[in-house]
Amino acid sequence: YRVAWALARANLDLGRRVVVDCVNPVSESREAFHRL
């Protein structure tokens, strides 16, 4: 998840749309994506 967050952020900073495919089972990981 930490690698995915870093890669997502780098791509969002480039103006790209990002699709993340994950179980994302708990509120902490879900909130981390929202914070990102």
Full PDB file with SEQRES, HELIX, SHEET, SSBOND, CRYST1, ORIGX, SCALE, CONECT and MASTER records, all heavy atoms in Angstrom:
SEQRES   1 A   36  TYR ARG VAL ALA TRP ALA LEU ALA ARG ALA ASN LEU ASP          
SEQRES   2 A   36  LEU GLY ARG ARG VAL VAL VAL ASP CYS VAL ASN PRO VAL          
SEQRES   3 A   36  SER GLU SER ARG GLU ALA PHE HIS ARG LEU                      
HELIX    1 AA1 ARG A    2  ASP A   13  1                                  12    
HELIX    2 AA2 SER A   27  ARG A   35  1                                   9    
CRYST1    1.000    1.000    1.000  90.00  90.00  90.00 P 1           1          
ORIGX1      1.000000  0.000000  0.000000        0.00000                         
ORIGX2      0.000000  1.000000  0.000000        0.00000                         
ORIGX3      0.000000  0.000000  1.000000        0.00000                         
SCALE1      1.000000  0.000000  0.000000        0.00000                         
SCALE2      0.000000  1.000000  0.000000        0.00000                         
SCALE3      0.000000  0.000000  1.000000        0.00000                         
ATOM      1  N   TYR A   1       0.832  -1.207   0.000  1.00  0.00           N  
ATOM      2  CA  TYR A   1       0.000   0.000   0.000  1.00  0.00           C  
ATOM      3  C   TYR A   1       0.864   1.252   0.000  1.00  0.00           C  
ATOM      4  O   TYR A   1       0.568   2.231  -0.690  1.00  0.00           O  
ATOM      5  CB  TYR A   1      -0.967   0.001   1.191  1.00  0.00           C  
ATOM      6  CG  TYR A   1      -2.178  -0.861   0.926  1.00  0.00           C  
ATOM      7  CD1 TYR A   1      -2.163  -2.216   1.225  1.00  0.00           C  
ATOM      8  CD2 TYR A   1      -3.322  -0.330   0.347  1.00  0.00           C  
ATOM      9  CE1 TYR A   1      -3.263  -3.014   0.966  1.00  0.00           C  
ATOM     10  CE2 TYR A   1      -4.427  -1.123   0.076  1.00  0.00           C  
ATOM     11  CZ  TYR A   1      -4.394  -2.462   0.389  1.00  0.00           C  
ATOM     12  OH  TYR A   1      -5.483  -3.262   0.108  1.00  0.00           O  
ATOM     13  N   ARG A   2       1.962   1.232   0.757  1.00  0.00           N  
ATOM     14  CA  ARG A   2       2.848   2.408   0.798  1.00  0.00           C  
ATOM     15  C   ARG A   2       3.448   2.683  -0.578  1.00  0.00           C  
ATOM     16  O   ARG A   2       3.547   3.837  -1.008  1.00  0.00           O  
ATOM     17  CB  ARG A   2       3.930   2.220   1.839  1.00  0.00           C  
ATOM     18  CG  ARG A   2       3.372   2.233   3.254  1.00  0.00           C  
ATOM     19  CD  ARG A   2       4.448   1.978   4.309  1.00  0.00           C  
ATOM     20  NE  ARG A   2       3.879   1.891   5.619  1.00  0.00           N  
ATOM     21  CZ  ARG A   2       3.539   2.924   6.377  1.00  0.00           C  
ATOM     22  NH1 ARG A   2       3.716   4.152   5.922  1.00  0.00           N  
ATOM     23  NH2 ARG A   2       3.019   2.741   7.571  1.00  0.00           N  
ATOM     24  N   VAL A   3       3.829   1.636  -1.290  1.00  0.00           N  
ATOM     25  CA  VAL A   3       4.344   1.802  -2.653  1.00  0.00           C  
ATOM     26  C   VAL A   3       3.232   2.323  -3.567  1.00  0.00           C  
ATOM     27  O   VAL A   3       3.449   3.251  -4.360  1.00  0.00           O  
ATOM     28  CB  VAL A   3       4.936   0.478  -3.190  1.00  0.00           C  
ATOM     29  CG1 VAL A   3       5.257   0.587  -4.669  1.00  0.00           C  
ATOM     30  CG2 VAL A   3       6.170   0.075  -2.387  1.00  0.00           C  
ATOM     31  N   ALA A   4       2.039   1.765  -3.444  1.00  0.00           N  
ATOM     32  CA  ALA A   4       0.916   2.204  -4.282  1.00  0.00           C  
ATOM     33  C   ALA A   4       0.605   3.680  -4.035  1.00  0.00           C  
ATOM     34  O   ALA A   4       0.347   4.429  -4.989  1.00  0.00           O  
ATOM     35  CB  ALA A   4      -0.317   1.350  -4.016  1.00  0.00           C  
ATOM     36  N   TRP A   5       0.612   4.105  -2.764  1.00  0.00           N  
ATOM     37  CA  TRP A   5       0.345   5.515  -2.470  1.00  0.00           C  
ATOM     38  C   TRP A   5       1.385   6.412  -3.127  1.00  0.00           C  
ATOM     39  O   TRP A   5       1.043   7.452  -3.693  1.00  0.00           O  
ATOM     40  CB  TRP A   5       0.303   5.753  -0.961  1.00  0.00           C  
ATOM     41  CG  TRP A   5      -0.825   5.046  -0.261  1.00  0.00           C  
ATOM     42  CD1 TRP A   5      -2.087   4.790  -0.767  1.00  0.00           C  
ATOM     43  CD2 TRP A   5      -0.808   4.484   1.044  1.00  0.00           C  
ATOM     44  NE1 TRP A   5      -2.833   4.098   0.154  1.00  0.00           N  
ATOM     45  CE2 TRP A   5      -2.083   3.900   1.285  1.00  0.00           C  
ATOM     46  CE3 TRP A   5       0.152   4.405   2.049  1.00  0.00           C  
ATOM     47  CZ2 TRP A   5      -2.411   3.266   2.472  1.00  0.00           C  
ATOM     48  CZ3 TRP A   5      -0.178   3.774   3.238  1.00  0.00           C  
ATOM     49  CH2 TRP A   5      -1.443   3.215   3.445  1.00  0.00           C  
ATOM     50  N   ALA A   6       2.650   6.025  -3.055  1.00  0.00           N  
ATOM     51  CA  ALA A   6       3.718   6.834  -3.660  1.00  0.00           C  
ATOM     52  C   ALA A   6       3.570   6.884  -5.181  1.00  0.00           C  
ATOM     53  O   ALA A   6       3.724   7.955  -5.792  1.00  0.00           O  
ATOM     54  CB  ALA A   6       5.087   6.276  -3.269  1.00  0.00           C  
ATOM     55  N   LEU A   7       3.287   5.744  -5.796  1.00  0.00           N  
ATOM     56  CA  LEU A   7       3.119   5.719  -7.250  1.00  0.00           C  
ATOM     57  C   LEU A   7       1.880   6.495  -7.684  1.00  0.00           C  
ATOM     58  O   LEU A   7       1.906   7.209  -8.697  1.00  0.00           O  
ATOM     59  CB  LEU A   7       3.036   4.276  -7.755  1.00  0.00           C  
ATOM     60  CG  LEU A   7       4.318   3.450  -7.639  1.00  0.00           C  
ATOM     61  CD1 LEU A   7       4.039   1.986  -7.975  1.00  0.00           C  
ATOM     62  CD2 LEU A   7       5.400   4.022  -8.542  1.00  0.00           C  
ATOM     63  N   ALA A   8       0.802   6.355  -6.929  1.00  0.00           N  
ATOM     64  CA  ALA A   8      -0.418   7.100  -7.259  1.00  0.00           C  
ATOM     65  C   ALA A   8      -0.141   8.599  -7.175  1.00  0.00           C  
ATOM     66  O   ALA A   8      -0.519   9.356  -8.081  1.00  0.00           O  
ATOM     67  CB  ALA A   8      -1.555   6.699  -6.318  1.00  0.00           C  
ATOM     68  N   ARG A   9       0.515   9.033  -6.112  1.00  0.00           N  
ATOM     69  CA  ARG A   9       0.794  10.456  -5.939  1.00  0.00           C  
ATOM     70  C   ARG A   9       1.667  10.976  -7.077  1.00  0.00           C  
ATOM     71  O   ARG A   9       1.406  12.054  -7.636  1.00  0.00           O  
ATOM     72  CB  ARG A   9       1.476  10.718  -4.587  1.00  0.00           C  
ATOM     73  CG  ARG A   9       1.827  12.172  -4.345  1.00  0.00           C  
ATOM     74  CD  ARG A   9       0.553  13.048  -4.411  1.00  0.00           C  
ATOM     75  NE  ARG A   9       0.842  14.448  -4.454  1.00  0.00           N  
ATOM     76  CZ  ARG A   9       0.714  15.282  -3.433  1.00  0.00           C  
ATOM     77  NH1 ARG A   9       0.324  14.822  -2.268  1.00  0.00           N  
ATOM     78  NH2 ARG A   9       0.976  16.551  -3.580  1.00  0.00           N  
ATOM     79  N   ALA A  10       2.700  10.241  -7.445  1.00  0.00           N  
ATOM     80  CA  ALA A  10       3.584  10.674  -8.525  1.00  0.00           C  
ATOM     81  C   ALA A  10       2.806  10.835  -9.830  1.00  0.00           C  
ATOM     82  O   ALA A  10       3.025  11.798 -10.579  1.00  0.00           O  
ATOM     83  CB  ALA A  10       4.736   9.685  -8.702  1.00  0.00           C  
ATOM     84  N   ASN A  11       1.894   9.919 -10.102  1.00  0.00           N  
ATOM     85  CA  ASN A  11       1.106   9.995 -11.338  1.00  0.00           C  
ATOM     86  C   ASN A  11       0.050  11.086 -11.276  1.00  0.00           C  
ATOM     87  O   ASN A  11      -0.202  11.763 -12.273  1.00  0.00           O  
ATOM     88  CB  ASN A  11       0.495   8.635 -11.660  1.00  0.00           C  
ATOM     89  CG  ASN A  11       1.496   7.722 -12.317  1.00  0.00           C  
ATOM     90  OD1 ASN A  11       1.719   7.808 -13.521  1.00  0.00           O  
ATOM     91  ND2 ASN A  11       2.149   6.885 -11.530  1.00  0.00           N  
ATOM     92  N   LEU A  12      -0.570  11.272 -10.113  1.00  0.00           N  
ATOM     93  CA  LEU A  12      -1.530  12.375  -9.964  1.00  0.00           C  
ATOM     94  C   LEU A  12      -0.827  13.720 -10.145  1.00  0.00           C  
ATOM     95  O   LEU A  12      -1.381  14.632 -10.762  1.00  0.00           O  
ATOM     96  CB  LEU A  12      -2.221  12.304  -8.604  1.00  0.00           C  
ATOM     97  CG  LEU A  12      -3.174  11.127  -8.411  1.00  0.00           C  
ATOM     98  CD1 LEU A  12      -3.611  11.028  -6.955  1.00  0.00           C  
ATOM     99  CD2 LEU A  12      -4.375  11.222  -9.346  1.00  0.00           C  
ATOM    100  N   ASP A  13       0.389  13.831  -9.623  1.00  0.00           N  
ATOM    101  CA  ASP A  13       1.152  15.070  -9.775  1.00  0.00           C  
ATOM    102  C   ASP A  13       1.476  15.359 -11.239  1.00  0.00           C  
ATOM    103  O   ASP A  13       1.695  16.521 -11.609  1.00  0.00           O  
ATOM    104  CB  ASP A  13       2.445  15.021  -8.954  1.00  0.00           C  
ATOM    105  CG  ASP A  13       2.195  15.168  -7.458  1.00  0.00           C  
ATOM    106  OD1 ASP A  13       1.068  15.549  -7.059  1.00  0.00           O  
ATOM    107  OD2 ASP A  13       3.132  14.886  -6.682  1.00  0.00           O  
ATOM    108  N   LEU A  14       1.510  14.327 -12.061  1.00  0.00           N  
ATOM    109  CA  LEU A  14       1.730  14.500 -13.501  1.00  0.00           C  
ATOM    110  C   LEU A  14       0.430  14.814 -14.248  1.00  0.00           C  
ATOM    111  O   LEU A  14       0.436  14.968 -15.466  1.00  0.00           O  
ATOM    112  CB  LEU A  14       2.357  13.237 -14.095  1.00  0.00           C  
ATOM    113  CG  LEU A  14       3.786  12.932 -13.678  1.00  0.00           C  
ATOM    114  CD1 LEU A  14       4.197  11.549 -14.189  1.00  0.00           C  
ATOM    115  CD2 LEU A  14       4.739  14.007 -14.195  1.00  0.00           C  
ATOM    116  N   GLY A  15      -0.671  14.870 -13.511  1.00  0.00           N  
ATOM    117  CA  GLY A  15      -1.962  15.158 -14.135  1.00  0.00           C  
ATOM    118  C   GLY A  15      -2.656  13.939 -14.698  1.00  0.00           C  
ATOM    119  O   GLY A  15      -3.606  14.069 -15.472  1.00  0.00           O  
ATOM    120  N   ARG A  16      -2.202  12.757 -14.315  1.00  0.00           N  
ATOM    121  CA  ARG A  16      -2.787  11.519 -14.834  1.00  0.00           C  
ATOM    122  C   ARG A  16      -3.948  11.059 -13.973  1.00  0.00           C  
ATOM    123  O   ARG A  16      -3.981  11.302 -12.774  1.00  0.00           O  
ATOM    124  CB  ARG A  16      -1.735  10.418 -14.880  1.00  0.00           C  
ATOM    125  CG  ARG A  16      -0.530  10.814 -15.688  1.00  0.00           C  
ATOM    126  CD  ARG A  16       0.060   9.819 -16.617  1.00  0.00           C  
ATOM    127  NE  ARG A  16      -0.548   8.536 -16.742  1.00  0.00           N  
ATOM    128  CZ  ARG A  16      -1.128   8.109 -17.866  1.00  0.00           C  
ATOM    129  NH1 ARG A  16      -1.209   8.895 -18.912  1.00  0.00           N  
ATOM    130  NH2 ARG A  16      -1.620   6.902 -17.947  1.00  0.00           N  
ATOM    131  N   ARG A  17      -4.882  10.376 -14.592  1.00  0.00           N  
ATOM    132  CA  ARG A  17      -5.896   9.641 -13.845  1.00  0.00           C  
ATOM    133  C   ARG A  17      -5.229   8.370 -13.347  1.00  0.00           C  
ATOM    134  O   ARG A  17      -4.392   7.788 -14.035  1.00  0.00           O  
ATOM    135  CB  ARG A  17      -7.067   9.268 -14.738  1.00  0.00           C  
ATOM    136  CG  ARG A  17      -7.879  10.443 -15.203  1.00  0.00           C  
ATOM    137  CD  ARG A  17      -9.052   9.963 -16.046  1.00  0.00           C  
ATOM    138  NE  ARG A  17      -9.814  11.086 -16.510  1.00  0.00           N  
ATOM    139  CZ  ARG A  17     -10.105  11.324 -17.790  1.00  0.00           C  
ATOM    140  NH1 ARG A  17      -9.712  10.486 -18.725  1.00  0.00           N  
ATOM    141  NH2 ARG A  17     -10.801  12.378 -18.131  1.00  0.00           N  
ATOM    142  N   VAL A  18      -5.643   7.918 -12.168  1.00  0.00           N  
ATOM    143  CA  VAL A  18      -5.059   6.711 -11.584  1.00  0.00           C  
ATOM    144  C   VAL A  18      -6.185   5.792 -11.129  1.00  0.00           C  
ATOM    145  O   VAL A  18      -7.119   6.222 -10.450  1.00  0.00           O  
ATOM    146  CB  VAL A  18      -4.139   7.052 -10.388  1.00  0.00           C  
ATOM    147  CG1 VAL A  18      -3.605   5.785  -9.733  1.00  0.00           C  
ATOM    148  CG2 VAL A  18      -2.993   7.955 -10.840  1.00  0.00           C  
ATOM    149  N   VAL A  19      -6.076   4.524 -11.509  1.00  0.00           N  
ATOM    150  CA  VAL A  19      -6.993   3.479 -11.062  1.00  0.00           C  
ATOM    151  C   VAL A  19      -6.189   2.523 -10.197  1.00  0.00           C  
ATOM    152  O   VAL A  19      -5.176   1.978 -10.644  1.00  0.00           O  
ATOM    153  CB  VAL A  19      -7.617   2.718 -12.260  1.00  0.00           C  
ATOM    154  CG1 VAL A  19      -8.427   1.519 -11.783  1.00  0.00           C  
ATOM    155  CG2 VAL A  19      -8.476   3.661 -13.102  1.00  0.00           C  
ATOM    156  N   VAL A  20      -6.633   2.329  -8.953  1.00  0.00           N  
ATOM    157  CA  VAL A  20      -5.959   1.440  -8.008  1.00  0.00           C  
ATOM    158  C   VAL A  20      -6.845   0.232  -7.764  1.00  0.00           C  
ATOM    159  O   VAL A  20      -8.014   0.366  -7.413  1.00  0.00           O  
ATOM    160  CB  VAL A  20      -5.654   2.150  -6.675  1.00  0.00           C  
ATOM    161  CG1 VAL A  20      -4.912   1.205  -5.733  1.00  0.00           C  
ATOM    162  CG2 VAL A  20      -4.857   3.423  -6.904  1.00  0.00           C  
ATOM    163  N   ASP A  21      -6.270  -0.947  -7.944  1.00  0.00           N  
ATOM    164  CA  ASP A  21      -6.966  -2.229  -7.808  1.00  0.00           C  
ATOM    165  C   ASP A  21      -6.419  -2.914  -6.558  1.00  0.00           C  
ATOM    166  O   ASP A  21      -5.278  -3.393  -6.562  1.00  0.00           O  
ATOM    167  CB  ASP A  21      -6.682  -3.041  -9.083  1.00  0.00           C  
ATOM    168  CG  ASP A  21      -7.161  -4.464  -9.068  1.00  0.00           C  
ATOM    169  OD1 ASP A  21      -7.756  -4.912  -8.070  1.00  0.00           O  
ATOM    170  OD2 ASP A  21      -6.923  -5.148 -10.085  1.00  0.00           O  
ATOM    171  N   CYS A  22      -7.213  -2.910  -5.479  1.00  0.00           N  
ATOM    172  CA  CYS A  22      -6.735  -3.472  -4.219  1.00  0.00           C  
ATOM    173  C   CYS A  22      -7.904  -3.917  -3.353  1.00  0.00           C  
ATOM    174  O   CYS A  22      -9.041  -3.533  -3.605  1.00  0.00           O  
ATOM    175  CB  CYS A  22      -5.895  -2.451  -3.462  1.00  0.00           C  
ATOM    176  SG  CYS A  22      -6.744  -0.901  -3.086  1.00  0.00           S  
ATOM    177  N   VAL A  23      -7.619  -4.727  -2.344  1.00  0.00           N  
ATOM    178  CA  VAL A  23      -8.665  -5.155  -1.404  1.00  0.00           C  
ATOM    179  C   VAL A  23      -9.110  -3.961  -0.569  1.00  0.00           C  
ATOM    180  O   VAL A  23     -10.292  -3.770  -0.340  1.00  0.00           O  
ATOM    181  CB  VAL A  23      -8.170  -6.326  -0.524  1.00  0.00           C  
ATOM    182  CG1 VAL A  23      -9.208  -6.667   0.548  1.00  0.00           C  
ATOM    183  CG2 VAL A  23      -7.885  -7.553  -1.397  1.00  0.00           C  
ATOM    184  N   ASN A  24      -8.156  -3.150  -0.102  1.00  0.00           N  
ATOM    185  CA  ASN A  24      -8.457  -1.938   0.655  1.00  0.00           C  
ATOM    186  C   ASN A  24      -9.461  -2.239   1.775  1.00  0.00           C  
ATOM    187  O   ASN A  24     -10.534  -1.649   1.844  1.00  0.00           O  
ATOM    188  CB  ASN A  24      -9.003  -0.867  -0.295  1.00  0.00           C  
ATOM    189  CG  ASN A  24      -8.765   0.537   0.190  1.00  0.00           C  
ATOM    190  OD1 ASN A  24      -8.009   0.774   1.117  1.00  0.00           O  
ATOM    191  ND2 ASN A  24      -9.421   1.478  -0.447  1.00  0.00           N  
ATOM    192  N   PRO A  25      -9.086  -3.145   2.693  1.00  0.00           N  
ATOM    193  CA  PRO A  25     -10.069  -3.714   3.608  1.00  0.00           C  
ATOM    194  C   PRO A  25     -10.411  -2.898   4.850  1.00  0.00           C  
ATOM    195  O   PRO A  25     -11.414  -3.183   5.498  1.00  0.00           O  
ATOM    196  CB  PRO A  25      -9.410  -5.021   4.034  1.00  0.00           C  
ATOM    197  CG  PRO A  25      -7.952  -4.704   4.012  1.00  0.00           C  
ATOM    198  CD  PRO A  25      -7.782  -3.771   2.835  1.00  0.00           C  
ATOM    199  N   VAL A  26      -9.589  -1.906   5.189  1.00  0.00           N  
ATOM    200  CA  VAL A  26      -9.803  -1.214   6.461  1.00  0.00           C  
ATOM    201  C   VAL A  26      -9.883   0.295   6.269  1.00  0.00           C  
ATOM    202  O   VAL A  26      -9.375   0.846   5.289  1.00  0.00           O  
ATOM    203  CB  VAL A  26      -8.692  -1.560   7.486  1.00  0.00           C  
ATOM    204  CG1 VAL A  26      -8.726  -3.041   7.853  1.00  0.00           C  
ATOM    205  CG2 VAL A  26      -7.322  -1.167   6.965  1.00  0.00           C  
ATOM    206  N   SER A  27     -10.488   0.951   7.241  1.00  0.00           N  
ATOM    207  CA  SER A  27     -10.694   2.398   7.132  1.00  0.00           C  
ATOM    208  C   SER A  27      -9.384   3.162   7.023  1.00  0.00           C  
ATOM    209  O   SER A  27      -9.320   4.191   6.340  1.00  0.00           O  
ATOM    210  CB  SER A  27     -11.524   2.906   8.305  1.00  0.00           C  
ATOM    211  OG  SER A  27     -10.878   2.646   9.526  1.00  0.00           O  
ATOM    212  N   GLU A  28      -8.312   2.679   7.658  1.00  0.00           N  
ATOM    213  CA  GLU A  28      -7.030   3.393   7.595  1.00  0.00           C  
ATOM    214  C   GLU A  28      -6.496   3.476   6.169  1.00  0.00           C  
ATOM    215  O   GLU A  28      -6.027   4.532   5.741  1.00  0.00           O  
ATOM    216  CB  GLU A  28      -5.984   2.720   8.497  1.00  0.00           C  
ATOM    217  CG  GLU A  28      -6.263   2.864   9.971  1.00  0.00           C  
ATOM    218  CD  GLU A  28      -7.225   1.803  10.520  1.00  0.00           C  
ATOM    219  OE1 GLU A  28      -7.607   0.885   9.774  1.00  0.00           O  
ATOM    220  OE2 GLU A  28      -7.594   1.926  11.697  1.00  0.00           O  
ATOM    221  N   SER A  29      -6.561   2.379   5.434  1.00  0.00           N  
ATOM    222  CA  SER A  29      -6.061   2.416   4.057  1.00  0.00           C  
ATOM    223  C   SER A  29      -6.985   3.238   3.168  1.00  0.00           C  
ATOM    224  O   SER A  29      -6.530   3.971   2.284  1.00  0.00           O  
ATOM    225  CB  SER A  29      -5.870   1.007   3.492  1.00  0.00           C  
ATOM    226  OG  SER A  29      -7.087   0.298   3.440  1.00  0.00           O  
ATOM    227  N   ARG A  30      -8.274   3.154   3.421  1.00  0.00           N  
ATOM    228  CA  ARG A  30      -9.234   3.930   2.635  1.00  0.00           C  
ATOM    229  C   ARG A  30      -9.016   5.424   2.857  1.00  0.00           C  
ATOM    230  O   ARG A  30      -9.005   6.213   1.905  1.00  0.00           O  
ATOM    231  CB  ARG A  30     -10.656   3.520   3.013  1.00  0.00           C  
ATOM    232  CG  ARG A  30     -10.964   2.083   2.672  1.00  0.00           C  
ATOM    233  CD  ARG A  30     -12.248   1.605   3.310  1.00  0.00           C  
ATOM    234  NE  ARG A  30     -12.437   0.184   3.064  1.00  0.00           N  
ATOM    235  CZ  ARG A  30     -13.353  -0.555   3.663  1.00  0.00           C  
ATOM    236  NH1 ARG A  30     -14.172  -0.004   4.550  1.00  0.00           N  
ATOM    237  NH2 ARG A  30     -13.465  -1.839   3.390  1.00  0.00           N  
ATOM    238  N   GLU A  31      -8.836   5.809   4.116  1.00  0.00           N  
ATOM    239  CA  GLU A  31      -8.610   7.220   4.434  1.00  0.00           C  
ATOM    240  C   GLU A  31      -7.287   7.701   3.834  1.00  0.00           C  
ATOM    241  O   GLU A  31      -7.180   8.850   3.400  1.00  0.00           O  
ATOM    242  CB  GLU A  31      -8.634   7.457   5.938  1.00  0.00           C  
ATOM    243  CG  GLU A  31      -8.343   8.893   6.341  1.00  0.00           C  
ATOM    244  CD  GLU A  31      -9.164   9.950   5.613  1.00  0.00           C  
ATOM    245  OE1 GLU A  31     -10.368   9.716   5.339  1.00  0.00           O  
ATOM    246  OE2 GLU A  31      -8.608  11.022   5.294  1.00  0.00           O  
ATOM    247  N   ALA A  32      -6.286   6.835   3.794  1.00  0.00           N  
ATOM    248  CA  ALA A  32      -5.003   7.236   3.206  1.00  0.00           C  
ATOM    249  C   ALA A  32      -5.164   7.594   1.728  1.00  0.00           C  
ATOM    250  O   ALA A  32      -4.549   8.564   1.252  1.00  0.00           O  
ATOM    251  CB  ALA A  32      -3.965   6.134   3.386  1.00  0.00           C  
ATOM    252  N   PHE A  33      -5.982   6.849   0.998  1.00  0.00           N  
ATOM    253  CA  PHE A  33      -6.229   7.186  -0.402  1.00  0.00           C  
ATOM    254  C   PHE A  33      -6.972   8.523  -0.506  1.00  0.00           C  
ATOM    255  O   PHE A  33      -6.655   9.358  -1.359  1.00  0.00           O  
ATOM    256  CB  PHE A  33      -7.014   6.079  -1.117  1.00  0.00           C  
ATOM    257  CG  PHE A  33      -6.167   4.918  -1.535  1.00  0.00           C  
ATOM    258  CD1 PHE A  33      -6.350   3.667  -0.970  1.00  0.00           C  
ATOM    259  CD2 PHE A  33      -5.174   5.060  -2.495  1.00  0.00           C  
ATOM    260  CE1 PHE A  33      -5.563   2.586  -1.347  1.00  0.00           C  
ATOM    261  CE2 PHE A  33      -4.384   3.983  -2.887  1.00  0.00           C  
ATOM    262  CZ  PHE A  33      -4.587   2.743  -2.309  1.00  0.00           C  
ATOM    263  N   HIS A  34      -7.927   8.751   0.379  1.00  0.00           N  
ATOM    264  CA  HIS A  34      -8.662  10.018   0.361  1.00  0.00           C  
ATOM    265  C   HIS A  34      -7.742  11.192   0.707  1.00  0.00           C  
ATOM    266  O   HIS A  34      -7.824  12.254   0.081  1.00  0.00           O  
ATOM    267  CB  HIS A  34      -9.866   9.962   1.317  1.00  0.00           C  
ATOM    268  CG  HIS A  34     -10.993   9.183   0.751  1.00  0.00           C  
ATOM    269  ND1 HIS A  34     -12.106   9.784   0.202  1.00  0.00           N  
ATOM    270  CD2 HIS A  34     -11.182   7.849   0.623  1.00  0.00           C  
ATOM    271  CE1 HIS A  34     -12.933   8.848  -0.249  1.00  0.00           C  
ATOM    272  NE2 HIS A  34     -12.392   7.669  -0.001  1.00  0.00           N  
ATOM    273  N   ARG A  35      -6.870  10.998   1.672  1.00  0.00           N  
ATOM    274  CA  ARG A  35      -5.915  12.035   2.039  1.00  0.00           C  
ATOM    275  C   ARG A  35      -4.992  12.351   0.858  1.00  0.00           C  
ATOM    276  O   ARG A  35      -4.716  13.509   0.550  1.00  0.00           O  
ATOM    277  CB  ARG A  35      -5.106  11.587   3.261  1.00  0.00           C  
ATOM    278  CG  ARG A  35      -4.186  12.643   3.824  1.00  0.00           C  
ATOM    279  CD  ARG A  35      -3.546  12.240   5.157  1.00  0.00           C  
ATOM    280  NE  ARG A  35      -3.016  10.883   5.195  1.00  0.00           N  
ATOM    281  CZ  ARG A  35      -3.598   9.858   5.846  1.00  0.00           C  
ATOM    282  NH1 ARG A  35      -4.728  10.018   6.498  1.00  0.00           N  
ATOM    283  NH2 ARG A  35      -3.038   8.662   5.819  1.00  0.00           N  
ATOM    284  N   LEU A  36      -4.532  11.300   0.186  1.00  0.00           N  
ATOM    285  CA  LEU A  36      -3.685  11.463  -0.990  1.00  0.00           C  
ATOM    286  C   LEU A  36      -4.391  12.298  -2.057  1.00  0.00           C  
ATOM    287  O   LEU A  36      -3.802  13.224  -2.630  1.00  0.00           O  
ATOM    288  CB  LEU A  36      -3.319  10.080  -1.542  1.00  0.00           C  
ATOM    289  CG  LEU A  36      -2.603  10.012  -2.869  1.00  0.00           C  
ATOM    290  CD1 LEU A  36      -1.185  10.524  -2.718  1.00  0.00           C  
ATOM    291  CD2 LEU A  36      -2.594   8.581  -3.368  1.00  0.00           C  
TER     292      LEU A  36                                                      
MASTER        0    0    0    2    0    0    0    6  291    1    0    3          
END                                                                             
